[in-house]
Amino acid sequence: RGAHGPATGILDISAAPCVGAATVKVYEALPSRITVLHGTKVVARWEIYGMQRIAWVEPVGTYLVHSNQSGAKRNVTIVVSSAHPAKANLVPSCK
């Protein structure tokens, strides 16, 4: 810990809903829930619509990023470092 608090890093999260054929308007209205946990503690939660990219800052450490969408990696473990962004791709591969 420095004089300004703990070292931090960036979480770079991409997420989207899992849907079949849909118009752009319908797709952009579909929600996904993304949760970031550090151990058992929820540190961030979003409800996003359509495809979104989230940039978030947290202290250096290991985090679990969770999506409620089927077809996506539902739980991704990432290591946050001050050296480079920690990326989590939760975009589903569904049709």
Protein backbone atom coordinates (compact mmCIF):
# COMPACT_ATOMS: atom_id res chain seq x y z
CA ARG A 1 0.00 0.00 0.00
CA GLY A 2 1.36 3.33 -1.05
CA ALA A 3 0.55 6.73 0.35
CA HIS A 4 -2.39 6.97 -2.06
CA GLY A 5 -3.99 3.58 -1.29
CA PRO A 6 -3.69 0.19 -2.95
CA ALA A 7 -2.48 -0.29 -6.52
CA THR A 8 -5.36 -0.53 -8.98
CA GLY A 9 -5.96 -1.95 -12.43
CA ILE A 10 -8.61 -1.91 -15.13
CA LEU A 11 -11.20 -4.61 -15.79
CA ASP A 12 -12.21 -4.61 -19.48
CA ILE A 13 -15.46 -6.58 -19.82
CA SER A 14 -17.38 -7.28 -23.05
CA ALA A 15 -20.87 -8.75 -22.70
CA ALA A 16 -24.09 -9.25 -24.66
CA PRO A 17 -27.38 -11.13 -24.49
CA CYS A 18 -27.86 -14.56 -26.03
CA VAL A 19 -30.59 -14.32 -28.64
CA GLY A 20 -31.61 -15.89 -31.92
CA ALA A 21 -32.67 -13.84 -34.92
CA ALA A 22 -33.80 -10.41 -33.75
CA THR A 23 -34.03 -6.90 -35.10
CA VAL A 24 -31.42 -4.40 -33.91
CA LYS A 25 -34.11 -2.60 -31.89
CA VAL A 26 -35.14 -5.83 -30.08
CA TYR A 27 -31.50 -6.89 -29.54
CA GLU A 28 -30.56 -3.52 -28.03
CA ALA A 29 -33.48 -3.81 -25.59
CA LEU A 30 -32.47 -7.25 -24.24
CA PRO A 31 -30.87 -7.16 -20.78
CA SER A 32 -27.86 -9.04 -19.44
CA ARG A 33 -26.70 -9.01 -15.83
CA ILE A 34 -22.97 -8.84 -15.15
CA THR A 35 -21.55 -9.27 -11.64
CA VAL A 36 -17.95 -8.86 -10.43
CA LEU A 37 -16.96 -10.67 -7.23
CA HIS A 38 -13.79 -10.50 -5.14
CA GLY A 39 -13.93 -13.67 -3.07
CA THR A 40 -17.57 -13.85 -1.97
CA LYS A 41 -18.09 -10.06 -1.97
CA VAL A 42 -19.97 -8.44 -4.85
CA VAL A 43 -17.92 -5.39 -5.87
CA ALA A 44 -19.91 -4.34 -8.96
CA ARG A 45 -23.11 -5.27 -10.75
CA TRP A 46 -24.58 -3.98 -14.01
CA GLU A 47 -27.65 -4.56 -16.11
CA ILE A 48 -26.68 -3.83 -19.69
CA TYR A 49 -28.67 -3.80 -22.93
CA GLY A 50 -27.46 -5.19 -26.24
CA MET A 51 -23.70 -5.55 -26.60
CA GLN A 52 -21.72 -3.42 -24.14
CA ARG A 53 -18.14 -2.91 -23.10
CA ILE A 54 -17.47 -2.00 -19.49
CA ALA A 55 -14.27 -0.49 -18.12
CA TRP A 56 -13.98 -0.62 -14.33
CA VAL A 57 -11.18 0.08 -11.85
CA GLU A 58 -10.53 -2.20 -8.86
CA PRO A 59 -7.57 -2.90 -6.58
CA VAL A 60 -5.04 -5.43 -7.89
CA GLY A 61 -6.20 -9.00 -7.22
CA THR A 62 -8.21 -11.94 -8.56
CA TYR A 63 -11.87 -11.43 -9.48
CA LEU A 64 -14.72 -13.54 -10.81
CA VAL A 65 -16.85 -11.98 -13.56
CA HIS A 66 -20.28 -13.62 -13.93
CA SER A 67 -22.88 -13.35 -16.72
CA ASN A 68 -26.46 -14.59 -16.50
CA GLN A 69 -26.51 -15.39 -20.24
CA SER A 70 -26.56 -18.94 -21.58
CA GLY A 71 -24.14 -19.49 -24.42
CA ALA A 72 -21.54 -17.24 -22.74
CA LYS A 73 -18.74 -18.20 -20.41
CA ARG A 74 -20.82 -17.71 -17.28
CA ASN A 75 -17.89 -17.36 -14.89
CA VAL A 76 -14.55 -15.90 -15.92
CA THR A 77 -11.67 -15.53 -13.45
CA ILE A 78 -9.42 -12.58 -14.17
CA VAL A 79 -6.33 -11.19 -12.47
CA VAL A 80 -6.29 -7.41 -12.16
CA SER A 81 -2.82 -5.92 -12.53
CA SER A 82 -1.58 -2.34 -12.63
CA ALA A 83 0.57 -3.34 -15.64
CA HIS A 84 -2.23 -4.09 -18.16
CA PRO A 85 -6.04 -4.33 -18.40
CA ALA A 86 -7.64 -7.60 -17.31
CA LYS A 87 -10.02 -8.71 -20.08
CA ALA A 88 -13.20 -10.79 -19.74
CA ASN A 89 -15.12 -11.68 -22.89
CA LEU A 90 -18.68 -12.69 -21.94
CA VAL A 91 -20.17 -12.30 -25.42
CA PRO A 92 -22.19 -15.46 -26.05
CA SER A 93 -21.56 -17.68 -29.04
CA CYS A 94 -25.23 -18.44 -29.62
CA LYS A 95 -27.37 -18.12 -32.70
